[in-house]
């Protein structure tokens, strides 16, 4: 009888252990991936060719020659209100490309908001660009070889946002060349997009569409030859003032495409 009781106890313990492990496996967090589709627009019209003038909401015409900016520290808000910070979420948006995969996994679920920074954190900004050679086959957005124009220099750090193009002021017949180079820790901009509704499914990559509308970047900024046409965060006083105006407008240029 005693042996039977011991056997029963061992069996019960084994079953409990199996159930425990089964429960852990069943409740384990499942993961998918998030991608960003970042389109280039001017007043909600897709930009299909660089250097082409498009009507802007302020009565001007605007052309994009080249634009690049860093997106970092991407977080998503679950439908229960909790935020999940996606590790190692750093990318460089270029004019030529729209789709960007964030390689780090994201818990499966329904999400209602996304936020990210345009720019780099202070530690990364103070680091040296990656020394890249073809032999190493390193493809880094912080590469001095691949992205030499995204670095101001030692003590100043990386360029968070660069833009070059043309603005044709209302009533004018002469386009004004514009060039903006934004950097400095104080100009790192937080972008938060709410009222979203998208689902990350286990084992799948889901893209959310965000329009980069440069019409909104220049809204309310008077641009003419010699007036706010050149902004540089480490330039002369006028250039620094213009760079700050542009930097403060960056969060407003992102628009979530809800039809997905």
C-alpha atoms as a PDB file:
ATOM      1  CA  UNK A   1       0.000   0.000   0.000  1.00  0.00           C
ATOM      2  CA  UNK A   2       2.798   2.379   0.881  1.00  0.00           C
ATOM      3  CA  UNK A   3       4.489   1.756  -2.478  1.00  0.00           C
ATOM      4  CA  UNK A   4       1.198   2.425  -4.257  1.00  0.00           C
ATOM      5  CA  UNK A   5       0.851   5.744  -2.432  1.00  0.00           C
ATOM      6  CA  UNK A   6       4.391   6.758  -3.383  1.00  0.00           C
ATOM      7  CA  UNK A   7       3.764   5.783  -7.002  1.00  0.00           C
ATOM      8  CA  UNK A   8       0.553   7.832  -7.044  1.00  0.00           C
ATOM      9  CA  UNK A   9       2.340  10.850  -5.608  1.00  0.00           C
ATOM     10  CA  UNK A  10       5.122  10.608  -8.188  1.00  0.00           C
ATOM     11  CA  UNK A  11       2.587  10.294 -11.017  1.00  0.00           C
ATOM     12  CA  UNK A  12       0.613  13.295  -9.737  1.00  0.00           C
ATOM     13  CA  UNK A  13       3.781  15.365  -9.495  1.00  0.00           C
ATOM     14  CA  UNK A  14       4.775  14.386 -13.028  1.00  0.00           C
ATOM     15  CA  UNK A  15       1.358  15.377 -14.376  1.00  0.00           C
ATOM     16  CA  UNK A  16       1.545  18.710 -12.552  1.00  0.00           C
ATOM     17  CA  UNK A  17       4.996  19.340 -14.017  1.00  0.00           C
ATOM     18  CA  UNK A  18       3.791  18.520 -17.536  1.00  0.00           C
ATOM     19  CA  UNK A  19       0.789  20.805 -17.118  1.00  0.00           C
ATOM     20  CA  UNK A  20       3.030  23.576 -15.831  1.00  0.00           C
ATOM     21  CA  UNK A  21       5.322  23.376 -18.854  1.00  0.00           C
ATOM     22  CA  UNK A  22       2.361  23.045 -21.189  1.00  0.00           C
ATOM     23  CA  UNK A  23       0.795  26.127 -19.640  1.00  0.00           C
ATOM     24  CA  UNK A  24       4.023  28.098 -20.045  1.00  0.00           C
ATOM     25  CA  UNK A  25       4.279  27.125 -23.680  1.00  0.00           C
ATOM     26  CA  UNK A  26       0.658  28.005 -24.328  1.00  0.00           C
ATOM     27  CA  UNK A  27       0.949  31.431 -22.674  1.00  0.00           C
ATOM     28  CA  UNK A  28       4.355  32.297 -24.171  1.00  0.00           C
ATOM     29  CA  UNK A  29       4.419  35.601 -26.031  1.00  0.00           C
ATOM     30  CA  UNK A  30       4.206  35.256 -29.787  1.00  0.00           C
ATOM     31  CA  UNK A  31       6.019  37.656 -32.098  1.00  0.00           C
ATOM     32  CA  UNK A  32       5.777  39.183 -35.550  1.00  0.00           C
ATOM     33  CA  UNK A  33       7.537  42.104 -37.206  1.00  0.00           C
ATOM     34  CA  UNK A  34       6.757  45.724 -38.007  1.00  0.00           C
ATOM     35  CA  UNK A  35       7.688  47.565 -41.163  1.00  0.00           C
ATOM     36  CA  UNK A  36       7.251  51.207 -42.137  1.00  0.00           C
ATOM     37  CA  UNK A  37       6.184  52.404 -45.574  1.00  0.00           C
ATOM     38  CA  UNK A  38       7.299  56.030 -45.723  1.00  0.00           C
ATOM     39  CA  UNK A  39       6.007  57.763 -48.839  1.00  0.00           C
ATOM     40  CA  UNK A  40       7.027  61.187 -50.121  1.00  0.00           C
ATOM     41  CA  UNK A  41       4.201  63.680 -50.695  1.00  0.00           C
ATOM     42  CA  UNK A  42       3.562  67.375 -51.191  1.00  0.00           C
ATOM     43  CA  UNK A  43       0.098  68.511 -50.107  1.00  0.00           C
ATOM     44  CA  UNK A  44      -1.126  64.882 -50.209  1.00  0.00           C
ATOM     45  CA  UNK A  45       0.103  64.410 -53.804  1.00  0.00           C
ATOM     46  CA  UNK A  46       2.710  61.639 -54.247  1.00  0.00           C
ATOM     47  CA  UNK A  47       6.083  62.891 -55.456  1.00  0.00           C
ATOM     48  CA  UNK A  48       7.023  60.779 -58.465  1.00  0.00           C
ATOM     49  CA  UNK A  49      10.075  62.645 -59.741  1.00  0.00           C
ATOM     50  CA  UNK A  50      12.790  64.580 -58.001  1.00  0.00           C
ATOM     51  CA  UNK A  51      13.197  68.197 -58.998  1.00  0.00           C
ATOM     52  CA  UNK A  52       9.579  68.474 -60.150  1.00  0.00           C
ATOM     53  CA  UNK A  53       7.554  71.387 -58.774  1.00  0.00           C
ATOM     54  CA  UNK A  54       4.288  70.510 -57.012  1.00  0.00           C
ATOM     55  CA  UNK A  55       1.617  72.842 -55.697  1.00  0.00           C
ATOM     56  CA  UNK A  56       1.986  73.480 -51.994  1.00  0.00           C
ATOM     57  CA  UNK A  57      -0.847  74.428 -49.645  1.00  0.00           C
ATOM     58  CA  UNK A  58       0.559  77.927 -49.034  1.00  0.00           C
ATOM     59  CA  UNK A  59       0.237  79.028 -52.667  1.00  0.00           C
ATOM     60  CA  UNK A  60       3.813  78.128 -53.490  1.00  0.00           C
ATOM     61  CA  UNK A  61       5.403  75.396 -55.582  1.00  0.00           C
ATOM     62  CA  UNK A  62       7.817  72.958 -53.962  1.00  0.00           C
ATOM     63  CA  UNK A  63      10.301  70.466 -55.422  1.00  0.00           C
ATOM     64  CA  UNK A  64      12.277  67.749 -53.636  1.00  0.00           C
ATOM     65  CA  UNK A  65      15.786  67.015 -54.857  1.00  0.00           C
ATOM     66  CA  UNK A  66      16.942  64.865 -51.973  1.00  0.00           C
ATOM     67  CA  UNK A  67      15.811  64.183 -48.420  1.00  0.00           C
ATOM     68  CA  UNK A  68      17.243  61.923 -45.718  1.00  0.00           C
ATOM     69  CA  UNK A  69      16.523  61.542 -42.024  1.00  0.00           C
ATOM     70  CA  UNK A  70      17.037  59.127 -39.156  1.00  0.00           C
ATOM     71  CA  UNK A  71      14.151  57.397 -37.421  1.00  0.00           C
ATOM     72  CA  UNK A  72      15.018  55.821 -34.074  1.00  0.00           C
ATOM     73  CA  UNK A  73      13.504  54.367 -30.892  1.00  0.00           C
ATOM     74  CA  UNK A  74      10.260  53.160 -32.450  1.00  0.00           C
ATOM     75  CA  UNK A  75       7.510  52.175 -29.970  1.00  0.00           C
ATOM     76  CA  UNK A  76       3.995  50.830 -30.504  1.00  0.00           C
ATOM     77  CA  UNK A  77       1.010  51.096 -28.169  1.00  0.00           C
ATOM     78  CA  UNK A  78      -1.095  47.993 -27.608  1.00  0.00           C
ATOM     79  CA  UNK A  79      -4.873  48.252 -27.522  1.00  0.00           C
ATOM     80  CA  UNK A  80      -4.642  47.792 -23.729  1.00  0.00           C
ATOM     81  CA  UNK A  81      -2.678  51.050 -23.494  1.00  0.00           C
ATOM     82  CA  UNK A  82       0.806  49.641 -22.852  1.00  0.00           C
ATOM     83  CA  UNK A  83       3.772  50.770 -24.927  1.00  0.00           C
ATOM     84  CA  UNK A  84       6.343  48.369 -26.347  1.00  0.00           C
ATOM     85  CA  UNK A  85       9.741  49.805 -27.272  1.00  0.00           C
ATOM     86  CA  UNK A  86      11.145  47.917 -30.256  1.00  0.00           C
ATOM     87  CA  UNK A  87      14.849  47.181 -29.625  1.00  0.00           C
ATOM     88  CA  UNK A  88      17.448  48.368 -32.133  1.00  0.00           C
ATOM     89  CA  UNK A  89      14.871  50.246 -34.212  1.00  0.00           C
ATOM     90  CA  UNK A  90      17.072  52.617 -36.182  1.00  0.00           C
ATOM     91  CA  UNK A  91      16.724  53.387 -39.867  1.00  0.00           C
ATOM     92  CA  UNK A  92      17.708  56.043 -42.357  1.00  0.00           C
ATOM     93  CA  UNK A  93      14.868  57.222 -44.588  1.00  0.00           C
ATOM     94  CA  UNK A  94      16.093  58.172 -48.047  1.00  0.00           C
ATOM     95  CA  UNK A  95      14.225  59.738 -50.932  1.00  0.00           C
ATOM     96  CA  UNK A  96      14.744  56.663 -53.108  1.00  0.00           C
ATOM     97  CA  UNK A  97      13.262  54.066 -50.741  1.00  0.00           C
ATOM     98  CA  UNK A  98       9.831  53.687 -49.162  1.00  0.00           C
ATOM     99  CA  UNK A  99       9.772  50.331 -47.343  1.00  0.00           C
ATOM    100  CA  UNK A 100      11.793  49.685 -44.187  1.00  0.00           C
ATOM    101  CA  UNK A 101      11.776  46.478 -42.134  1.00  0.00           C
ATOM    102  CA  UNK A 102      12.495  46.646 -38.404  1.00  0.00           C
ATOM    103  CA  UNK A 103      14.286  43.366 -37.753  1.00  0.00           C
ATOM    104  CA  UNK A 104      13.608  43.153 -34.012  1.00  0.00           C
ATOM    105  CA  UNK A 105      10.453  41.164 -33.134  1.00  0.00           C
ATOM    106  CA  UNK A 106       7.236  42.773 -31.907  1.00  0.00           C
ATOM    107  CA  UNK A 107       4.672  40.958 -29.712  1.00  0.00           C
ATOM    108  CA  UNK A 108       1.637  39.836 -31.677  1.00  0.00           C
ATOM    109  CA  UNK A 109      -1.479  41.901 -31.042  1.00  0.00           C
ATOM    110  CA  UNK A 110      -3.567  44.894 -32.016  1.00  0.00           C
ATOM    111  CA  UNK A 111      -1.975  48.325 -31.804  1.00  0.00           C
ATOM    112  CA  UNK A 112      -3.448  51.811 -31.728  1.00  0.00           C
ATOM    113  CA  UNK A 113      -0.445  54.179 -31.818  1.00  0.00           C
ATOM    114  CA  UNK A 114       3.165  54.445 -32.885  1.00  0.00           C
ATOM    115  CA  UNK A 115       5.858  56.883 -31.844  1.00  0.00           C
ATOM    116  CA  UNK A 116       9.447  57.444 -32.859  1.00  0.00           C
ATOM    117  CA  UNK A 117      12.162  60.069 -32.909  1.00  0.00           C
ATOM    118  CA  UNK A 118      13.526  61.856 -35.935  1.00  0.00           C
ATOM    119  CA  UNK A 119      17.165  61.995 -34.944  1.00  0.00           C
ATOM    120  CA  UNK A 120      19.517  60.006 -32.745  1.00  0.00           C
ATOM    121  CA  UNK A 121      19.891  59.650 -28.994  1.00  0.00           C
ATOM    122  CA  UNK A 122      22.715  61.653 -27.420  1.00  0.00           C
ATOM    123  CA  UNK A 123      25.010  58.644 -26.957  1.00  0.00           C
ATOM    124  CA  UNK A 124      24.741  57.538 -30.580  1.00  0.00           C
ATOM    125  CA  UNK A 125      25.033  61.136 -31.750  1.00  0.00           C
ATOM    126  CA  UNK A 126      28.316  61.491 -29.879  1.00  0.00           C
ATOM    127  CA  UNK A 127      29.763  58.318 -31.412  1.00  0.00           C
ATOM    128  CA  UNK A 128      32.047  58.182 -34.410  1.00  0.00           C
ATOM    129  CA  UNK A 129      30.638  57.067 -37.763  1.00  0.00           C
ATOM    130  CA  UNK A 130      31.252  53.420 -38.587  1.00  0.00           C
ATOM    131  CA  UNK A 131      34.414  52.904 -40.644  1.00  0.00           C
ATOM    132  CA  UNK A 132      33.019  50.834 -43.490  1.00  0.00           C
ATOM    133  CA  UNK A 133      34.865  48.984 -46.251  1.00  0.00           C
ATOM    134  CA  UNK A 134      33.556  46.739 -48.992  1.00  0.00           C
ATOM    135  CA  UNK A 135      35.735  43.943 -47.645  1.00  0.00           C
ATOM    136  CA  UNK A 136      33.827  44.010 -44.349  1.00  0.00           C
ATOM    137  CA  UNK A 137      30.527  44.192 -46.216  1.00  0.00           C
ATOM    138  CA  UNK A 138      29.019  46.309 -43.447  1.00  0.00           C
ATOM    139  CA  UNK A 139      25.834  48.116 -44.384  1.00  0.00           C
ATOM    140  CA  UNK A 140      25.202  50.617 -41.631  1.00  0.00           C
ATOM    141  CA  UNK A 141      23.106  53.777 -41.600  1.00  0.00           C
ATOM    142  CA  UNK A 142      25.854  55.285 -39.450  1.00  0.00           C
ATOM    143  CA  UNK A 143      28.551  54.474 -41.986  1.00  0.00           C
ATOM    144  CA  UNK A 144      31.086  57.116 -42.892  1.00  0.00           C
ATOM    145  CA  UNK A 145      31.523  55.355 -46.224  1.00  0.00           C
ATOM    146  CA  UNK A 146      27.905  54.717 -47.183  1.00  0.00           C
ATOM    147  CA  UNK A 147      26.416  57.898 -45.691  1.00  0.00           C
ATOM    148  CA  UNK A 148      29.226  60.480 -45.608  1.00  0.00           C
ATOM    149  CA  UNK A 149      26.787  63.387 -45.931  1.00  0.00           C
ATOM    150  CA  UNK A 150      24.948  62.511 -42.705  1.00  0.00           C
ATOM    151  CA  UNK A 151      27.717  63.683 -40.372  1.00  0.00           C
ATOM    152  CA  UNK A 152      28.568  67.238 -39.328  1.00  0.00           C
ATOM    153  CA  UNK A 153      31.851  66.366 -37.654  1.00  0.00           C
ATOM    154  CA  UNK A 154      33.446  65.674 -34.287  1.00  0.00           C
ATOM    155  CA  UNK A 155      31.762  67.611 -31.483  1.00  0.00           C
ATOM    156  CA  UNK A 156      28.684  68.302 -33.613  1.00  0.00           C
ATOM    157  CA  UNK A 157      27.538  64.773 -34.382  1.00  0.00           C
ATOM    158  CA  UNK A 158      25.247  63.420 -37.056  1.00  0.00           C
ATOM    159  CA  UNK A 159      22.804  65.222 -39.301  1.00  0.00           C
ATOM    160  CA  UNK A 160      19.350  64.139 -38.143  1.00  0.00           C
ATOM    161  CA  UNK A 161      17.489  65.544 -41.149  1.00  0.00           C
ATOM    162  CA  UNK A 162      18.644  66.872 -44.512  1.00  0.00           C
ATOM    163  CA  UNK A 163      16.557  68.365 -47.310  1.00  0.00           C
ATOM    164  CA  UNK A 164      17.413  69.984 -50.609  1.00  0.00           C
ATOM    165  CA  UNK A 165      15.055  71.226 -53.290  1.00  0.00           C
ATOM    166  CA  UNK A 166      13.351  74.332 -54.648  1.00  0.00           C
ATOM    167  CA  UNK A 167      10.571  76.658 -53.555  1.00  0.00           C
ATOM    168  CA  UNK A 168       8.756  78.922 -55.995  1.00  0.00           C
ATOM    169  CA  UNK A 169       7.147  81.668 -53.880  1.00  0.00           C
ATOM    170  CA  UNK A 170       3.635  82.769 -54.795  1.00  0.00           C
ATOM    171  CA  UNK A 171       3.732  85.388 -57.572  1.00  0.00           C
ATOM    172  CA  UNK A 172       7.398  84.720 -58.356  1.00  0.00           C
ATOM    173  CA  UNK A 173       8.898  83.275 -61.529  1.00  0.00           C
ATOM    174  CA  UNK A 174      12.260  82.322 -60.051  1.00  0.00           C
ATOM    175  CA  UNK A 175      12.531  79.154 -57.949  1.00  0.00           C
ATOM    176  CA  UNK A 176      14.615  79.526 -54.799  1.00  0.00           C
ATOM    177  CA  UNK A 177      17.078  76.744 -54.001  1.00  0.00           C
ATOM    178  CA  UNK A 178      16.638  75.531 -50.406  1.00  0.00           C
ATOM    179  CA  UNK A 179      18.953  73.432 -48.295  1.00  0.00           C
ATOM    180  CA  UNK A 180      18.461  72.346 -44.682  1.00  0.00           C
ATOM    181  CA  UNK A 181      20.787  70.368 -42.418  1.00  0.00           C
ATOM    182  CA  UNK A 182      19.364  69.676 -38.970  1.00  0.00           C
ATOM    183  CA  UNK A 183      21.246  68.199 -36.023  1.00  0.00           C
ATOM    184  CA  UNK A 184      22.140  68.753 -32.398  1.00  0.00           C
ATOM    185  CA  UNK A 185      20.551  66.958 -29.446  1.00  0.00           C
ATOM    186  CA  UNK A 186      18.049  69.770 -28.851  1.00  0.00           C
ATOM    187  CA  UNK A 187      16.603  69.228 -32.342  1.00  0.00           C
ATOM    188  CA  UNK A 188      15.749  65.557 -31.877  1.00  0.00           C
ATOM    189  CA  UNK A 189      12.004  65.471 -32.561  1.00  0.00           C
ATOM    190  CA  UNK A 190       9.393  63.102 -31.114  1.00  0.00           C
ATOM    191  CA  UNK A 191       6.627  62.018 -33.496  1.00  0.00           C
ATOM    192  CA  UNK A 192       3.469  60.388 -32.080  1.00  0.00           C
ATOM    193  CA  UNK A 193       0.685  59.077 -34.310  1.00  0.00           C
ATOM    194  CA  UNK A 194      -2.514  58.046 -32.530  1.00  0.00           C
ATOM    195  CA  UNK A 195      -5.922  56.613 -33.454  1.00  0.00           C
ATOM    196  CA  UNK A 196      -4.300  53.827 -35.437  1.00  0.00           C
ATOM    197  CA  UNK A 197      -5.646  50.305 -35.817  1.00  0.00           C
ATOM    198  CA  UNK A 198      -3.298  47.597 -37.047  1.00  0.00           C
ATOM    199  CA  UNK A 199      -2.493  44.024 -36.080  1.00  0.00           C
ATOM    200  CA  UNK A 200       0.861  42.263 -35.783  1.00  0.00           C
ATOM    201  CA  UNK A 201       0.316  38.584 -36.542  1.00  0.00           C
ATOM    202  CA  UNK A 202       2.613  35.833 -35.292  1.00  0.00           C
ATOM    203  CA  UNK A 203       5.433  35.126 -37.711  1.00  0.00           C
ATOM    204  CA  UNK A 204       4.353  37.821 -40.160  1.00  0.00           C
ATOM    205  CA  UNK A 205       5.646  41.228 -41.190  1.00  0.00           C
ATOM    206  CA  UNK A 206       3.097  44.046 -41.158  1.00  0.00           C
ATOM    207  CA  UNK A 207       3.728  47.409 -42.807  1.00  0.00           C
ATOM    208  CA  UNK A 208       2.066  50.572 -41.617  1.00  0.00           C
ATOM    209  CA  UNK A 209       1.861  53.400 -44.148  1.00  0.00           C
ATOM    210  CA  UNK A 210       3.031  56.858 -43.127  1.00  0.00           C
ATOM    211  CA  UNK A 211       3.134  59.783 -45.530  1.00  0.00           C
ATOM    212  CA  UNK A 212       5.976  62.270 -45.256  1.00  0.00           C
ATOM    213  CA  UNK A 213       4.185  65.410 -46.429  1.00  0.00           C
ATOM    214  CA  UNK A 214       6.735  68.154 -47.010  1.00  0.00           C
ATOM    215  CA  UNK A 215       3.998  70.708 -47.573  1.00  0.00           C
ATOM    216  CA  UNK A 216       3.468  70.552 -43.811  1.00  0.00           C
ATOM    217  CA  UNK A 217       7.177  70.907 -43.138  1.00  0.00           C
ATOM    218  CA  UNK A 218       7.212  74.442 -44.541  1.00  0.00           C
ATOM    219  CA  UNK A 219       3.764  75.587 -43.446  1.00  0.00           C
ATOM    220  CA  UNK A 220       3.889  79.091 -41.989  1.00  0.00           C
ATOM    221  CA  UNK A 221       7.582  79.576 -42.859  1.00  0.00           C
ATOM    222  CA  UNK A 222       8.242  82.478 -45.222  1.00  0.00           C
ATOM    223  CA  UNK A 223      10.820  81.398 -47.789  1.00  0.00           C
ATOM    224  CA  UNK A 224      12.514  83.639 -50.333  1.00  0.00           C
ATOM    225  CA  UNK A 225      16.016  84.215 -51.656  1.00  0.00           C
ATOM    226  CA  UNK A 226      18.098  85.025 -48.590  1.00  0.00           C
ATOM    227  CA  UNK A 227      15.192  84.383 -46.218  1.00  0.00           C
ATOM    228  CA  UNK A 228      14.906  80.947 -44.572  1.00  0.00           C
ATOM    229  CA  UNK A 229      16.299  79.275 -47.695  1.00  0.00           C
ATOM    230  CA  UNK A 230      19.365  77.872 -45.948  1.00  0.00           C
ATOM    231  CA  UNK A 231      19.243  76.231 -42.536  1.00  0.00           C
ATOM    232  CA  UNK A 232      22.177  74.686 -40.717  1.00  0.00           C
ATOM    233  CA  UNK A 233      22.167  73.762 -37.020  1.00  0.00           C
ATOM    234  CA  UNK A 234      25.875  74.573 -36.820  1.00  0.00           C
ATOM    235  CA  UNK A 235      26.024  77.477 -39.281  1.00  0.00           C
ATOM    236  CA  UNK A 236      25.799  81.209 -38.751  1.00  0.00           C
ATOM    237  CA  UNK A 237      23.094  82.815 -36.607  1.00  0.00           C
ATOM    238  CA  UNK A 238      20.545  83.137 -39.427  1.00  0.00           C
ATOM    239  CA  UNK A 239      21.125  79.572 -40.594  1.00  0.00           C
ATOM    240  CA  UNK A 240      20.740  78.249 -37.056  1.00  0.00           C
ATOM    241  CA  UNK A 241      17.484  80.173 -36.595  1.00  0.00           C
ATOM    242  CA  UNK A 242      16.086  78.727 -39.831  1.00  0.00           C
ATOM    243  CA  UNK A 243      17.238  75.234 -38.887  1.00  0.00           C
ATOM    244  CA  UNK A 244      15.304  75.503 -35.622  1.00  0.00           C
ATOM    245  CA  UNK A 245      12.154  76.598 -37.484  1.00  0.00           C
ATOM    246  CA  UNK A 246      12.418  73.584 -39.796  1.00  0.00           C
ATOM    247  CA  UNK A 247      13.222  71.189 -36.934  1.00  0.00           C
ATOM    248  CA  UNK A 248      10.175  72.317 -34.946  1.00  0.00           C
ATOM    249  CA  UNK A 249       7.969  71.617 -37.989  1.00  0.00           C
ATOM    250  CA  UNK A 250       9.192  68.035 -38.477  1.00  0.00           C
ATOM    251  CA  UNK A 251       6.610  66.244 -36.240  1.00  0.00           C
ATOM    252  CA  UNK A 252       3.708  67.745 -38.188  1.00  0.00           C
ATOM    253  CA  UNK A 253       4.802  66.356 -41.565  1.00  0.00           C
ATOM    254  CA  UNK A 254       3.966  62.733 -40.728  1.00  0.00           C
ATOM    255  CA  UNK A 255       0.484  61.498 -41.589  1.00  0.00           C
ATOM    256  CA  UNK A 256      -0.801  57.984 -40.923  1.00  0.00           C
ATOM    257  CA  UNK A 257      -2.607  56.318 -43.842  1.00  0.00           C
ATOM    258  CA  UNK A 258      -5.670  54.809 -42.142  1.00  0.00           C
ATOM    259  CA  UNK A 259      -6.927  52.804 -45.129  1.00  0.00           C
ATOM    260  CA  UNK A 260      -5.030  49.614 -44.335  1.00  0.00           C
END
